[in-house]
Amino acid sequence: QGGLMHVKSMERLRDPGNGIQQFS
């Protein structure tokens, strides 16, 4: 985009045992 190489990342982490659900 616009002469640059952009990076877009997504991270989904779930740990039901510890009640963790993370979306970054």
PDBML (XML) file of the C-alpha atoms, coordinates in Angstrom:
<?xml version="1.0" encoding="UTF-8" ?>
<PDBx:datablock datablockName="MODEL"
   xmlns:PDBx="http://pdbml.pdb.org/schema/pdbx-v50.xsd"
   xmlns:xsi="http://www.w3.org/2001/XMLSchema-instance"
   xsi:schemaLocation="http://pdbml.pdb.org/schema/pdbx-v50.xsd pdbx-v50.xsd">
   <PDBx:atom_siteCategory>
      <PDBx:atom_site id="1">
         <PDBx:B_iso_or_equiv>0.00</PDBx:B_iso_or_equiv>
         <PDBx:Cartn_x>0.000</PDBx:Cartn_x>
         <PDBx:Cartn_y>0.000</PDBx:Cartn_y>
         <PDBx:Cartn_z>0.000</PDBx:Cartn_z>
         <PDBx:auth_asym_id>A</PDBx:auth_asym_id>
         <PDBx:auth_atom_id>CA</PDBx:auth_atom_id>
         <PDBx:auth_comp_id>GLN</PDBx:auth_comp_id>
         <PDBx:auth_seq_id>1</PDBx:auth_seq_id>
         <PDBx:group_PDB>ATOM</PDBx:group_PDB>
         <PDBx:label_alt_id xsi:nil="true" />
         <PDBx:label_asym_id>A</PDBx:label_asym_id>
         <PDBx:label_atom_id>CA</PDBx:label_atom_id>
         <PDBx:label_comp_id>GLN</PDBx:label_comp_id>
         <PDBx:label_entity_id>1</PDBx:label_entity_id>
         <PDBx:label_seq_id>1</PDBx:label_seq_id>
         <PDBx:occupancy>1.00</PDBx:occupancy>
         <PDBx:pdbx_PDB_model_num>1</PDBx:pdbx_PDB_model_num>
         <PDBx:type_symbol>C</PDBx:type_symbol>
      </PDBx:atom_site>
      <PDBx:atom_site id="2">
         <PDBx:B_iso_or_equiv>0.00</PDBx:B_iso_or_equiv>
         <PDBx:Cartn_x>1.398</PDBx:Cartn_x>
         <PDBx:Cartn_y>3.370</PDBx:Cartn_y>
         <PDBx:Cartn_z>-1.001</PDBx:Cartn_z>
         <PDBx:auth_asym_id>A</PDBx:auth_asym_id>
         <PDBx:auth_atom_id>CA</PDBx:auth_atom_id>
         <PDBx:auth_comp_id>GLY</PDBx:auth_comp_id>
         <PDBx:auth_seq_id>2</PDBx:auth_seq_id>
         <PDBx:group_PDB>ATOM</PDBx:group_PDB>
         <PDBx:label_alt_id xsi:nil="true" />
         <PDBx:label_asym_id>A</PDBx:label_asym_id>
         <PDBx:label_atom_id>CA</PDBx:label_atom_id>
         <PDBx:label_comp_id>GLY</PDBx:label_comp_id>
         <PDBx:label_entity_id>1</PDBx:label_entity_id>
         <PDBx:label_seq_id>2</PDBx:label_seq_id>
         <PDBx:occupancy>1.00</PDBx:occupancy>
         <PDBx:pdbx_PDB_model_num>1</PDBx:pdbx_PDB_model_num>
         <PDBx:type_symbol>C</PDBx:type_symbol>
      </PDBx:atom_site>
      <PDBx:atom_site id="3">
         <PDBx:B_iso_or_equiv>0.00</PDBx:B_iso_or_equiv>
         <PDBx:Cartn_x>4.839</PDBx:Cartn_x>
         <PDBx:Cartn_y>2.057</PDBx:Cartn_y>
         <PDBx:Cartn_z>-1.917</PDBx:Cartn_z>
         <PDBx:auth_asym_id>A</PDBx:auth_asym_id>
         <PDBx:auth_atom_id>CA</PDBx:auth_atom_id>
         <PDBx:auth_comp_id>GLY</PDBx:auth_comp_id>
         <PDBx:auth_seq_id>3</PDBx:auth_seq_id>
         <PDBx:group_PDB>ATOM</PDBx:group_PDB>
         <PDBx:label_alt_id xsi:nil="true" />
         <PDBx:label_asym_id>A</PDBx:label_asym_id>
         <PDBx:label_atom_id>CA</PDBx:label_atom_id>
         <PDBx:label_comp_id>GLY</PDBx:label_comp_id>
         <PDBx:label_entity_id>1</PDBx:label_entity_id>
         <PDBx:label_seq_id>3</PDBx:label_seq_id>
         <PDBx:occupancy>1.00</PDBx:occupancy>
         <PDBx:pdbx_PDB_model_num>1</PDBx:pdbx_PDB_model_num>
         <PDBx:type_symbol>C</PDBx:type_symbol>
      </PDBx:atom_site>
      <PDBx:atom_site id="4">
         <PDBx:B_iso_or_equiv>0.00</PDBx:B_iso_or_equiv>
         <PDBx:Cartn_x>5.274</PDBx:Cartn_x>
         <PDBx:Cartn_y>0.298</PDBx:Cartn_y>
         <PDBx:Cartn_z>1.456</PDBx:Cartn_z>
         <PDBx:auth_asym_id>A</PDBx:auth_asym_id>
         <PDBx:auth_atom_id>CA</PDBx:auth_atom_id>
         <PDBx:auth_comp_id>LEU</PDBx:auth_comp_id>
         <PDBx:auth_seq_id>4</PDBx:auth_seq_id>
         <PDBx:group_PDB>ATOM</PDBx:group_PDB>
         <PDBx:label_alt_id xsi:nil="true" />
         <PDBx:label_asym_id>A</PDBx:label_asym_id>
         <PDBx:label_atom_id>CA</PDBx:label_atom_id>
         <PDBx:label_comp_id>LEU</PDBx:label_comp_id>
         <PDBx:label_entity_id>1</PDBx:label_entity_id>
         <PDBx:label_seq_id>4</PDBx:label_seq_id>
         <PDBx:occupancy>1.00</PDBx:occupancy>
         <PDBx:pdbx_PDB_model_num>1</PDBx:pdbx_PDB_model_num>
         <PDBx:type_symbol>C</PDBx:type_symbol>
      </PDBx:atom_site>
      <PDBx:atom_site id="5">
         <PDBx:B_iso_or_equiv>0.00</PDBx:B_iso_or_equiv>
         <PDBx:Cartn_x>4.797</PDBx:Cartn_x>
         <PDBx:Cartn_y>-3.326</PDBx:Cartn_y>
         <PDBx:Cartn_z>2.446</PDBx:Cartn_z>
         <PDBx:auth_asym_id>A</PDBx:auth_asym_id>
         <PDBx:auth_atom_id>CA</PDBx:auth_atom_id>
         <PDBx:auth_comp_id>MET</PDBx:auth_comp_id>
         <PDBx:auth_seq_id>5</PDBx:auth_seq_id>
         <PDBx:group_PDB>ATOM</PDBx:group_PDB>
         <PDBx:label_alt_id xsi:nil="true" />
         <PDBx:label_asym_id>A</PDBx:label_asym_id>
         <PDBx:label_atom_id>CA</PDBx:label_atom_id>
         <PDBx:label_comp_id>MET</PDBx:label_comp_id>
         <PDBx:label_entity_id>1</PDBx:label_entity_id>
         <PDBx:label_seq_id>5</PDBx:label_seq_id>
         <PDBx:occupancy>1.00</PDBx:occupancy>
         <PDBx:pdbx_PDB_model_num>1</PDBx:pdbx_PDB_model_num>
         <PDBx:type_symbol>C</PDBx:type_symbol>
      </PDBx:atom_site>
      <PDBx:atom_site id="6">
         <PDBx:B_iso_or_equiv>0.00</PDBx:B_iso_or_equiv>
         <PDBx:Cartn_x>2.332</PDBx:Cartn_x>
         <PDBx:Cartn_y>-3.380</PDBx:Cartn_y>
         <PDBx:Cartn_z>5.320</PDBx:Cartn_z>
         <PDBx:auth_asym_id>A</PDBx:auth_asym_id>
         <PDBx:auth_atom_id>CA</PDBx:auth_atom_id>
         <PDBx:auth_comp_id>HIS</PDBx:auth_comp_id>
         <PDBx:auth_seq_id>6</PDBx:auth_seq_id>
         <PDBx:group_PDB>ATOM</PDBx:group_PDB>
         <PDBx:label_alt_id xsi:nil="true" />
         <PDBx:label_asym_id>A</PDBx:label_asym_id>
         <PDBx:label_atom_id>CA</PDBx:label_atom_id>
         <PDBx:label_comp_id>HIS</PDBx:label_comp_id>
         <PDBx:label_entity_id>1</PDBx:label_entity_id>
         <PDBx:label_seq_id>6</PDBx:label_seq_id>
         <PDBx:occupancy>1.00</PDBx:occupancy>
         <PDBx:pdbx_PDB_model_num>1</PDBx:pdbx_PDB_model_num>
         <PDBx:type_symbol>C</PDBx:type_symbol>
      </PDBx:atom_site>
      <PDBx:atom_site id="7">
         <PDBx:B_iso_or_equiv>0.00</PDBx:B_iso_or_equiv>
         <PDBx:Cartn_x>1.954</PDBx:Cartn_x>
         <PDBx:Cartn_y>-6.238</PDBx:Cartn_y>
         <PDBx:Cartn_z>7.769</PDBx:Cartn_z>
         <PDBx:auth_asym_id>A</PDBx:auth_asym_id>
         <PDBx:auth_atom_id>CA</PDBx:auth_atom_id>
         <PDBx:auth_comp_id>VAL</PDBx:auth_comp_id>
         <PDBx:auth_seq_id>7</PDBx:auth_seq_id>
         <PDBx:group_PDB>ATOM</PDBx:group_PDB>
         <PDBx:label_alt_id xsi:nil="true" />
         <PDBx:label_asym_id>A</PDBx:label_asym_id>
         <PDBx:label_atom_id>CA</PDBx:label_atom_id>
         <PDBx:label_comp_id>VAL</PDBx:label_comp_id>
         <PDBx:label_entity_id>1</PDBx:label_entity_id>
         <PDBx:label_seq_id>7</PDBx:label_seq_id>
         <PDBx:occupancy>1.00</PDBx:occupancy>
         <PDBx:pdbx_PDB_model_num>1</PDBx:pdbx_PDB_model_num>
         <PDBx:type_symbol>C</PDBx:type_symbol>
      </PDBx:atom_site>
      <PDBx:atom_site id="8">
         <PDBx:B_iso_or_equiv>0.00</PDBx:B_iso_or_equiv>
         <PDBx:Cartn_x>-1.322</PDBx:Cartn_x>
         <PDBx:Cartn_y>-7.074</PDBx:Cartn_y>
         <PDBx:Cartn_z>9.489</PDBx:Cartn_z>
         <PDBx:auth_asym_id>A</PDBx:auth_asym_id>
         <PDBx:auth_atom_id>CA</PDBx:auth_atom_id>
         <PDBx:auth_comp_id>LYS</PDBx:auth_comp_id>
         <PDBx:auth_seq_id>8</PDBx:auth_seq_id>
         <PDBx:group_PDB>ATOM</PDBx:group_PDB>
         <PDBx:label_alt_id xsi:nil="true" />
         <PDBx:label_asym_id>A</PDBx:label_asym_id>
         <PDBx:label_atom_id>CA</PDBx:label_atom_id>
         <PDBx:label_comp_id>LYS</PDBx:label_comp_id>
         <PDBx:label_entity_id>1</PDBx:label_entity_id>
         <PDBx:label_seq_id>8</PDBx:label_seq_id>
         <PDBx:occupancy>1.00</PDBx:occupancy>
         <PDBx:pdbx_PDB_model_num>1</PDBx:pdbx_PDB_model_num>
         <PDBx:type_symbol>C</PDBx:type_symbol>
      </PDBx:atom_site>
      <PDBx:atom_site id="9">
         <PDBx:B_iso_or_equiv>0.00</PDBx:B_iso_or_equiv>
         <PDBx:Cartn_x>-1.438</PDBx:Cartn_x>
         <PDBx:Cartn_y>-9.899</PDBx:Cartn_y>
         <PDBx:Cartn_z>12.015</PDBx:Cartn_z>
         <PDBx:auth_asym_id>A</PDBx:auth_asym_id>
         <PDBx:auth_atom_id>CA</PDBx:auth_atom_id>
         <PDBx:auth_comp_id>SER</PDBx:auth_comp_id>
         <PDBx:auth_seq_id>9</PDBx:auth_seq_id>
         <PDBx:group_PDB>ATOM</PDBx:group_PDB>
         <PDBx:label_alt_id xsi:nil="true" />
         <PDBx:label_asym_id>A</PDBx:label_asym_id>
         <PDBx:label_atom_id>CA</PDBx:label_atom_id>
         <PDBx:label_comp_id>SER</PDBx:label_comp_id>
         <PDBx:label_entity_id>1</PDBx:label_entity_id>
         <PDBx:label_seq_id>9</PDBx:label_seq_id>
         <PDBx:occupancy>1.00</PDBx:occupancy>
         <PDBx:pdbx_PDB_model_num>1</PDBx:pdbx_PDB_model_num>
         <PDBx:type_symbol>C</PDBx:type_symbol>
      </PDBx:atom_site>
      <PDBx:atom_site id="10">
         <PDBx:B_iso_or_equiv>0.00</PDBx:B_iso_or_equiv>
         <PDBx:Cartn_x>-4.114</PDBx:Cartn_x>
         <PDBx:Cartn_y>-11.442</PDBx:Cartn_y>
         <PDBx:Cartn_z>14.210</PDBx:Cartn_z>
         <PDBx:auth_asym_id>A</PDBx:auth_asym_id>
         <PDBx:auth_atom_id>CA</PDBx:auth_atom_id>
         <PDBx:auth_comp_id>MET</PDBx:auth_comp_id>
         <PDBx:auth_seq_id>10</PDBx:auth_seq_id>
         <PDBx:group_PDB>ATOM</PDBx:group_PDB>
         <PDBx:label_alt_id xsi:nil="true" />
         <PDBx:label_asym_id>A</PDBx:label_asym_id>
         <PDBx:label_atom_id>CA</PDBx:label_atom_id>
         <PDBx:label_comp_id>MET</PDBx:label_comp_id>
         <PDBx:label_entity_id>1</PDBx:label_entity_id>
         <PDBx:label_seq_id>10</PDBx:label_seq_id>
         <PDBx:occupancy>1.00</PDBx:occupancy>
         <PDBx:pdbx_PDB_model_num>1</PDBx:pdbx_PDB_model_num>
         <PDBx:type_symbol>C</PDBx:type_symbol>
      </PDBx:atom_site>
      <PDBx:atom_site id="11">
         <PDBx:B_iso_or_equiv>0.00</PDBx:B_iso_or_equiv>
         <PDBx:Cartn_x>-3.671</PDBx:Cartn_x>
         <PDBx:Cartn_y>-13.651</PDBx:Cartn_y>
         <PDBx:Cartn_z>17.241</PDBx:Cartn_z>
         <PDBx:auth_asym_id>A</PDBx:auth_asym_id>
         <PDBx:auth_atom_id>CA</PDBx:auth_atom_id>
         <PDBx:auth_comp_id>GLU</PDBx:auth_comp_id>
         <PDBx:auth_seq_id>11</PDBx:auth_seq_id>
         <PDBx:group_PDB>ATOM</PDBx:group_PDB>
         <PDBx:label_alt_id xsi:nil="true" />
         <PDBx:label_asym_id>A</PDBx:label_asym_id>
         <PDBx:label_atom_id>CA</PDBx:label_atom_id>
         <PDBx:label_comp_id>GLU</PDBx:label_comp_id>
         <PDBx:label_entity_id>1</PDBx:label_entity_id>
         <PDBx:label_seq_id>11</PDBx:label_seq_id>
         <PDBx:occupancy>1.00</PDBx:occupancy>
         <PDBx:pdbx_PDB_model_num>1</PDBx:pdbx_PDB_model_num>
         <PDBx:type_symbol>C</PDBx:type_symbol>
      </PDBx:atom_site>
      <PDBx:atom_site id="12">
         <PDBx:B_iso_or_equiv>0.00</PDBx:B_iso_or_equiv>
         <PDBx:Cartn_x>-6.393</PDBx:Cartn_x>
         <PDBx:Cartn_y>-15.693</PDBx:Cartn_y>
         <PDBx:Cartn_z>18.938</PDBx:Cartn_z>
         <PDBx:auth_asym_id>A</PDBx:auth_asym_id>
         <PDBx:auth_atom_id>CA</PDBx:auth_atom_id>
         <PDBx:auth_comp_id>ARG</PDBx:auth_comp_id>
         <PDBx:auth_seq_id>12</PDBx:auth_seq_id>
         <PDBx:group_PDB>ATOM</PDBx:group_PDB>
         <PDBx:label_alt_id xsi:nil="true" />
         <PDBx:label_asym_id>A</PDBx:label_asym_id>
         <PDBx:label_atom_id>CA</PDBx:label_atom_id>
         <PDBx:label_comp_id>ARG</PDBx:label_comp_id>
         <PDBx:label_entity_id>1</PDBx:label_entity_id>
         <PDBx:label_seq_id>12</PDBx:label_seq_id>
         <PDBx:occupancy>1.00</PDBx:occupancy>
         <PDBx:pdbx_PDB_model_num>1</PDBx:pdbx_PDB_model_num>
         <PDBx:type_symbol>C</PDBx:type_symbol>
      </PDBx:atom_site>
      <PDBx:atom_site id="13">
         <PDBx:B_iso_or_equiv>0.00</PDBx:B_iso_or_equiv>
         <PDBx:Cartn_x>-5.507</PDBx:Cartn_x>
         <PDBx:Cartn_y>-17.383</PDBx:Cartn_y>
         <PDBx:Cartn_z>22.224</PDBx:Cartn_z>
         <PDBx:auth_asym_id>A</PDBx:auth_asym_id>
         <PDBx:auth_atom_id>CA</PDBx:auth_atom_id>
         <PDBx:auth_comp_id>LEU</PDBx:auth_comp_id>
         <PDBx:auth_seq_id>13</PDBx:auth_seq_id>
         <PDBx:group_PDB>ATOM</PDBx:group_PDB>
         <PDBx:label_alt_id xsi:nil="true" />
         <PDBx:label_asym_id>A</PDBx:label_asym_id>
         <PDBx:label_atom_id>CA</PDBx:label_atom_id>
         <PDBx:label_comp_id>LEU</PDBx:label_comp_id>
         <PDBx:label_entity_id>1</PDBx:label_entity_id>
         <PDBx:label_seq_id>13</PDBx:label_seq_id>
         <PDBx:occupancy>1.00</PDBx:occupancy>
         <PDBx:pdbx_PDB_model_num>1</PDBx:pdbx_PDB_model_num>
         <PDBx:type_symbol>C</PDBx:type_symbol>
      </PDBx:atom_site>
      <PDBx:atom_site id="14">
         <PDBx:B_iso_or_equiv>0.00</PDBx:B_iso_or_equiv>
         <PDBx:Cartn_x>-7.944</PDBx:Cartn_x>
         <PDBx:Cartn_y>-19.429</PDBx:Cartn_y>
         <PDBx:Cartn_z>24.287</PDBx:Cartn_z>
         <PDBx:auth_asym_id>A</PDBx:auth_asym_id>
         <PDBx:auth_atom_id>CA</PDBx:auth_atom_id>
         <PDBx:auth_comp_id>ARG</PDBx:auth_comp_id>
         <PDBx:auth_seq_id>14</PDBx:auth_seq_id>
         <PDBx:group_PDB>ATOM</PDBx:group_PDB>
         <PDBx:label_alt_id xsi:nil="true" />
         <PDBx:label_asym_id>A</PDBx:label_asym_id>
         <PDBx:label_atom_id>CA</PDBx:label_atom_id>
         <PDBx:label_comp_id>ARG</PDBx:label_comp_id>
         <PDBx:label_entity_id>1</PDBx:label_entity_id>
         <PDBx:label_seq_id>14</PDBx:label_seq_id>
         <PDBx:occupancy>1.00</PDBx:occupancy>
         <PDBx:pdbx_PDB_model_num>1</PDBx:pdbx_PDB_model_num>
         <PDBx:type_symbol>C</PDBx:type_symbol>
      </PDBx:atom_site>
      <PDBx:atom_site id="15">
         <PDBx:B_iso_or_equiv>0.00</PDBx:B_iso_or_equiv>
         <PDBx:Cartn_x>-7.355</PDBx:Cartn_x>
         <PDBx:Cartn_y>-21.133</PDBx:Cartn_y>
         <PDBx:Cartn_z>27.626</PDBx:Cartn_z>
         <PDBx:auth_asym_id>A</PDBx:auth_asym_id>
         <PDBx:auth_atom_id>CA</PDBx:auth_atom_id>
         <PDBx:auth_comp_id>ASP</PDBx:auth_comp_id>
         <PDBx:auth_seq_id>15</PDBx:auth_seq_id>
         <PDBx:group_PDB>ATOM</PDBx:group_PDB>
         <PDBx:label_alt_id xsi:nil="true" />
         <PDBx:label_asym_id>A</PDBx:label_asym_id>
         <PDBx:label_atom_id>CA</PDBx:label_atom_id>
         <PDBx:label_comp_id>ASP</PDBx:label_comp_id>
         <PDBx:label_entity_id>1</PDBx:label_entity_id>
         <PDBx:label_seq_id>15</PDBx:label_seq_id>
         <PDBx:occupancy>1.00</PDBx:occupancy>
         <PDBx:pdbx_PDB_model_num>1</PDBx:pdbx_PDB_model_num>
         <PDBx:type_symbol>C</PDBx:type_symbol>
      </PDBx:atom_site>
      <PDBx:atom_site id="16">
         <PDBx:B_iso_or_equiv>0.00</PDBx:B_iso_or_equiv>
         <PDBx:Cartn_x>-10.794</PDBx:Cartn_x>
         <PDBx:Cartn_y>-22.311</PDBx:Cartn_y>
         <PDBx:Cartn_z>28.835</PDBx:Cartn_z>
         <PDBx:auth_asym_id>A</PDBx:auth_asym_id>
         <PDBx:auth_atom_id>CA</PDBx:auth_atom_id>
         <PDBx:auth_comp_id>PRO</PDBx:auth_comp_id>
         <PDBx:auth_seq_id>16</PDBx:auth_seq_id>
         <PDBx:group_PDB>ATOM</PDBx:group_PDB>
         <PDBx:label_alt_id xsi:nil="true" />
         <PDBx:label_asym_id>A</PDBx:label_asym_id>
         <PDBx:label_atom_id>CA</PDBx:label_atom_id>
         <PDBx:label_comp_id>PRO</PDBx:label_comp_id>
         <PDBx:label_entity_id>1</PDBx:label_entity_id>
         <PDBx:label_seq_id>16</PDBx:label_seq_id>
         <PDBx:occupancy>1.00</PDBx:occupancy>
         <PDBx:pdbx_PDB_model_num>1</PDBx:pdbx_PDB_model_num>
         <PDBx:type_symbol>C</PDBx:type_symbol>
      </PDBx:atom_site>
      <PDBx:atom_site id="17">
         <PDBx:B_iso_or_equiv>0.00</PDBx:B_iso_or_equiv>
         <PDBx:Cartn_x>-9.302</PDBx:Cartn_x>
         <PDBx:Cartn_y>-23.838</PDBx:Cartn_y>
         <PDBx:Cartn_z>31.973</PDBx:Cartn_z>
         <PDBx:auth_asym_id>A</PDBx:auth_asym_id>
         <PDBx:auth_atom_id>CA</PDBx:auth_atom_id>
         <PDBx:auth_comp_id>GLY</PDBx:auth_comp_id>
         <PDBx:auth_seq_id>17</PDBx:auth_seq_id>
         <PDBx:group_PDB>ATOM</PDBx:group_PDB>
         <PDBx:label_alt_id xsi:nil="true" />
         <PDBx:label_asym_id>A</PDBx:label_asym_id>
         <PDBx:label_atom_id>CA</PDBx:label_atom_id>
         <PDBx:label_comp_id>GLY</PDBx:label_comp_id>
         <PDBx:label_entity_id>1</PDBx:label_entity_id>
         <PDBx:label_seq_id>17</PDBx:label_seq_id>
         <PDBx:occupancy>1.00</PDBx:occupancy>
         <PDBx:pdbx_PDB_model_num>1</PDBx:pdbx_PDB_model_num>
         <PDBx:type_symbol>C</PDBx:type_symbol>
      </PDBx:atom_site>
      <PDBx:atom_site id="18">
         <PDBx:B_iso_or_equiv>0.00</PDBx:B_iso_or_equiv>
         <PDBx:Cartn_x>-8.109</PDBx:Cartn_x>
         <PDBx:Cartn_y>-20.428</PDBx:Cartn_y>
         <PDBx:Cartn_z>33.163</PDBx:Cartn_z>
         <PDBx:auth_asym_id>A</PDBx:auth_asym_id>
         <PDBx:auth_atom_id>CA</PDBx:auth_atom_id>
         <PDBx:auth_comp_id>ASN</PDBx:auth_comp_id>
         <PDBx:auth_seq_id>18</PDBx:auth_seq_id>
         <PDBx:group_PDB>ATOM</PDBx:group_PDB>
         <PDBx:label_alt_id xsi:nil="true" />
         <PDBx:label_asym_id>A</PDBx:label_asym_id>
         <PDBx:label_atom_id>CA</PDBx:label_atom_id>
         <PDBx:label_comp_id>ASN</PDBx:label_comp_id>
         <PDBx:label_entity_id>1</PDBx:label_entity_id>
         <PDBx:label_seq_id>18</PDBx:label_seq_id>
         <PDBx:occupancy>1.00</PDBx:occupancy>
         <PDBx:pdbx_PDB_model_num>1</PDBx:pdbx_PDB_model_num>
         <PDBx:type_symbol>C</PDBx:type_symbol>
      </PDBx:atom_site>
      <PDBx:atom_site id="19">
         <PDBx:B_iso_or_equiv>0.00</PDBx:B_iso_or_equiv>
         <PDBx:Cartn_x>-10.937</PDBx:Cartn_x>
         <PDBx:Cartn_y>-18.425</PDBx:Cartn_y>
         <PDBx:Cartn_z>31.590</PDBx:Cartn_z>
         <PDBx:auth_asym_id>A</PDBx:auth_asym_id>
         <PDBx:auth_atom_id>CA</PDBx:auth_atom_id>
         <PDBx:auth_comp_id>GLY</PDBx:auth_comp_id>
         <PDBx:auth_seq_id>19</PDBx:auth_seq_id>
         <PDBx:group_PDB>ATOM</PDBx:group_PDB>
         <PDBx:label_alt_id xsi:nil="true" />
         <PDBx:label_asym_id>A</PDBx:label_asym_id>
         <PDBx:label_atom_id>CA</PDBx:label_atom_id>
         <PDBx:label_comp_id>GLY</PDBx:label_comp_id>
         <PDBx:label_entity_id>1</PDBx:label_entity_id>
         <PDBx:label_seq_id>19</PDBx:label_seq_id>
         <PDBx:occupancy>1.00</PDBx:occupancy>
         <PDBx:pdbx_PDB_model_num>1</PDBx:pdbx_PDB_model_num>
         <PDBx:type_symbol>C</PDBx:type_symbol>
      </PDBx:atom_site>
      <PDBx:atom_site id="20">
         <PDBx:B_iso_or_equiv>0.00</PDBx:B_iso_or_equiv>
         <PDBx:Cartn_x>-8.610</PDBx:Cartn_x>
         <PDBx:Cartn_y>-16.726</PDBx:Cartn_y>
         <PDBx:Cartn_z>29.084</PDBx:Cartn_z>
         <PDBx:auth_asym_id>A</PDBx:auth_asym_id>
         <PDBx:auth_atom_id>CA</PDBx:auth_atom_id>
         <PDBx:auth_comp_id>ILE</PDBx:auth_comp_id>
         <PDBx:auth_seq_id>20</PDBx:auth_seq_id>
         <PDBx:group_PDB>ATOM</PDBx:group_PDB>
         <PDBx:label_alt_id xsi:nil="true" />
         <PDBx:label_asym_id>A</PDBx:label_asym_id>
         <PDBx:label_atom_id>CA</PDBx:label_atom_id>
         <PDBx:label_comp_id>ILE</PDBx:label_comp_id>
         <PDBx:label_entity_id>1</PDBx:label_entity_id>
         <PDBx:label_seq_id>20</PDBx:label_seq_id>
         <PDBx:occupancy>1.00</PDBx:occupancy>
         <PDBx:pdbx_PDB_model_num>1</PDBx:pdbx_PDB_model_num>
         <PDBx:type_symbol>C</PDBx:type_symbol>
      </PDBx:atom_site>
      <PDBx:atom_site id="21">
         <PDBx:B_iso_or_equiv>0.00</PDBx:B_iso_or_equiv>
         <PDBx:Cartn_x>-9.776</PDBx:Cartn_x>
         <PDBx:Cartn_y>-15.612</PDBx:Cartn_y>
         <PDBx:Cartn_z>25.658</PDBx:Cartn_z>
         <PDBx:auth_asym_id>A</PDBx:auth_asym_id>
         <PDBx:auth_atom_id>CA</PDBx:auth_atom_id>
         <PDBx:auth_comp_id>GLN</PDBx:auth_comp_id>
         <PDBx:auth_seq_id>21</PDBx:auth_seq_id>
         <PDBx:group_PDB>ATOM</PDBx:group_PDB>
         <PDBx:label_alt_id xsi:nil="true" />
         <PDBx:label_asym_id>A</PDBx:label_asym_id>
         <PDBx:label_atom_id>CA</PDBx:label_atom_id>
         <PDBx:label_comp_id>GLN</PDBx:label_comp_id>
         <PDBx:label_entity_id>1</PDBx:label_entity_id>
         <PDBx:label_seq_id>21</PDBx:label_seq_id>
         <PDBx:occupancy>1.00</PDBx:occupancy>
         <PDBx:pdbx_PDB_model_num>1</PDBx:pdbx_PDB_model_num>
         <PDBx:type_symbol>C</PDBx:type_symbol>
      </PDBx:atom_site>
      <PDBx:atom_site id="22">
         <PDBx:B_iso_or_equiv>0.00</PDBx:B_iso_or_equiv>
         <PDBx:Cartn_x>-7.510</PDBx:Cartn_x>
         <PDBx:Cartn_y>-13.092</PDBx:Cartn_y>
         <PDBx:Cartn_z>23.943</PDBx:Cartn_z>
         <PDBx:auth_asym_id>A</PDBx:auth_asym_id>
         <PDBx:auth_atom_id>CA</PDBx:auth_atom_id>
         <PDBx:auth_comp_id>GLN</PDBx:auth_comp_id>
         <PDBx:auth_seq_id>22</PDBx:auth_seq_id>
         <PDBx:group_PDB>ATOM</PDBx:group_PDB>
         <PDBx:label_alt_id xsi:nil="true" />
         <PDBx:label_asym_id>A</PDBx:label_asym_id>
         <PDBx:label_atom_id>CA</PDBx:label_atom_id>
         <PDBx:label_comp_id>GLN</PDBx:label_comp_id>
         <PDBx:label_entity_id>1</PDBx:label_entity_id>
         <PDBx:label_seq_id>22</PDBx:label_seq_id>
         <PDBx:occupancy>1.00</PDBx:occupancy>
         <PDBx:pdbx_PDB_model_num>1</PDBx:pdbx_PDB_model_num>
         <PDBx:type_symbol>C</PDBx:type_symbol>
      </PDBx:atom_site>
      <PDBx:atom_site id="23">
         <PDBx:B_iso_or_equiv>0.00</PDBx:B_iso_or_equiv>
         <PDBx:Cartn_x>-7.860</PDBx:Cartn_x>
         <PDBx:Cartn_y>-11.500</PDBx:Cartn_y>
         <PDBx:Cartn_z>20.515</PDBx:Cartn_z>
         <PDBx:auth_asym_id>A</PDBx:auth_asym_id>
         <PDBx:auth_atom_id>CA</PDBx:auth_atom_id>
         <PDBx:auth_comp_id>PHE</PDBx:auth_comp_id>
         <PDBx:auth_seq_id>23</PDBx:auth_seq_id>
         <PDBx:group_PDB>ATOM</PDBx:group_PDB>
         <PDBx:label_alt_id xsi:nil="true" />
         <PDBx:label_asym_id>A</PDBx:label_asym_id>
         <PDBx:label_atom_id>CA</PDBx:label_atom_id>
         <PDBx:label_comp_id>PHE</PDBx:label_comp_id>
         <PDBx:label_entity_id>1</PDBx:label_entity_id>
         <PDBx:label_seq_id>23</PDBx:label_seq_id>
         <PDBx:occupancy>1.00</PDBx:occupancy>
         <PDBx:pdbx_PDB_model_num>1</PDBx:pdbx_PDB_model_num>
         <PDBx:type_symbol>C</PDBx:type_symbol>
      </PDBx:atom_site>
      <PDBx:atom_site id="24">
         <PDBx:B_iso_or_equiv>0.00</PDBx:B_iso_or_equiv>
         <PDBx:Cartn_x>-4.994</PDBx:Cartn_x>
         <PDBx:Cartn_y>-9.252</PDBx:Cartn_y>
         <PDBx:Cartn_z>19.455</PDBx:Cartn_z>
         <PDBx:auth_asym_id>A</PDBx:auth_asym_id>
         <PDBx:auth_atom_id>CA</PDBx:auth_atom_id>
         <PDBx:auth_comp_id>SER</PDBx:auth_comp_id>
         <PDBx:auth_seq_id>24</PDBx:auth_seq_id>
         <PDBx:group_PDB>ATOM</PDBx:group_PDB>
         <PDBx:label_alt_id xsi:nil="true" />
         <PDBx:label_asym_id>A</PDBx:label_asym_id>
         <PDBx:label_atom_id>CA</PDBx:label_atom_id>
         <PDBx:label_comp_id>SER</PDBx:label_comp_id>
         <PDBx:label_entity_id>1</PDBx:label_entity_id>
         <PDBx:label_seq_id>24</PDBx:label_seq_id>
         <PDBx:occupancy>1.00</PDBx:occupancy>
         <PDBx:pdbx_PDB_model_num>1</PDBx:pdbx_PDB_model_num>
         <PDBx:type_symbol>C</PDBx:type_symbol>
      </PDBx:atom_site>
   </PDBx:atom_siteCategory>
</PDBx:datablock>
